C-alpha cells in the first residue's frame, strides 16, 4: 500500500515539519506586528499540528498562550 511506503512517510513527515515552521514563523510575525487575532489563529493551527503529531504538551502550551492573547 502506498501509505506505508518509506517515501510516502518521509513526505508526510516533511509536510508536518514545513507546517510547523510556517506556523511558528506566522506566530512570531503576527506577535511582532501586534496583530493578536491573527496570532491567536496561527497558534490554534499550530496547536492542531502539534496534537496530530503526538506532541500533546507542546499543543497545550500553544493553547495556553492563545488564551493569554
Protein backbone atom coordinates (compact mmCIF):
# COMPACT_ATOMS: atom_id res chain seq x y z
CA UNK A 1 0.00 0.00 0.00
CA UNK A 2 1.36 3.44 -0.92
CA UNK A 3 0.75 4.98 2.51
CA UNK A 4 3.21 2.53 4.08
CA UNK A 5 5.93 3.23 1.57
CA UNK A 6 9.02 4.85 3.18
CA UNK A 7 8.96 7.76 0.74
CA UNK A 8 5.30 8.46 1.49
CA UNK A 9 6.08 8.53 5.23
CA UNK A 10 9.01 10.83 4.59
CA UNK A 11 6.84 13.20 2.54
CA UNK A 12 4.21 13.32 5.30
CA UNK A 13 6.88 13.95 7.93
CA UNK A 14 8.39 16.69 5.76
CA UNK A 15 4.96 18.28 5.23
CA UNK A 16 4.33 18.32 9.00
CA UNK A 17 7.75 19.87 9.59
CA UNK A 18 7.13 22.52 6.93
CA UNK A 19 3.74 23.31 8.50
CA UNK A 20 5.32 23.68 11.95
CA UNK A 21 7.97 26.05 10.63
CA UNK A 22 5.47 28.16 8.68
CA UNK A 23 3.07 28.41 11.61
CA UNK A 24 5.83 29.26 14.09
CA UNK A 25 7.04 32.00 11.73
CA UNK A 26 3.48 33.29 11.34
CA UNK A 27 3.02 33.48 15.12
CA UNK A 28 6.28 35.39 15.52
CA UNK A 29 5.44 37.82 12.72
CA UNK A 30 1.91 38.45 13.98
CA UNK A 31 3.18 38.96 17.53
CA UNK A 32 5.78 41.48 16.33
CA UNK A 33 3.17 43.28 14.24
CA UNK A 34 0.80 43.47 17.25
CA UNK A 35 -1.90 41.51 15.42
CA UNK A 36 -3.44 39.45 18.26
CA UNK A 37 -6.35 37.94 16.32
CA UNK A 38 -4.10 36.60 13.56
CA UNK A 39 -1.53 35.42 16.11
CA UNK A 40 -4.22 33.52 18.02
CA UNK A 41 -5.48 31.83 14.85
CA UNK A 42 -1.94 30.81 13.88
CA UNK A 43 -1.34 29.47 17.40
CA UNK A 44 -4.54 27.41 17.20
CA UNK A 45 -3.44 25.92 13.88
CA UNK A 46 -0.01 25.21 15.34
CA UNK A 47 -1.62 23.51 18.34
CA UNK A 48 -3.65 21.31 15.96
CA UNK A 49 -0.49 20.30 14.08
CA UNK A 50 1.33 19.55 17.34
CA UNK A 51 -1.58 17.48 18.63
CA UNK A 52 -1.82 15.49 15.41
CA UNK A 53 1.87 14.63 15.62
CA UNK A 54 1.52 13.46 19.22
CA UNK A 55 3.18 16.43 20.89
CA UNK A 56 0.37 16.97 23.39
CA UNK A 57 2.37 19.03 25.90
CA UNK A 58 3.50 21.48 23.24
CA UNK A 59 -0.06 21.70 21.89
CA UNK A 60 -1.38 22.54 25.37
CA UNK A 61 1.33 25.20 25.75
CA UNK A 62 0.21 26.83 22.49
CA UNK A 63 -3.41 26.76 23.61
CA UNK A 64 -2.41 28.36 26.92
CA UNK A 65 -0.52 31.08 25.03
CA UNK A 66 -3.56 31.64 22.84
CA UNK A 67 -5.78 32.15 25.88
CA UNK A 68 -3.44 34.89 27.16
CA UNK A 69 -3.82 36.96 23.96
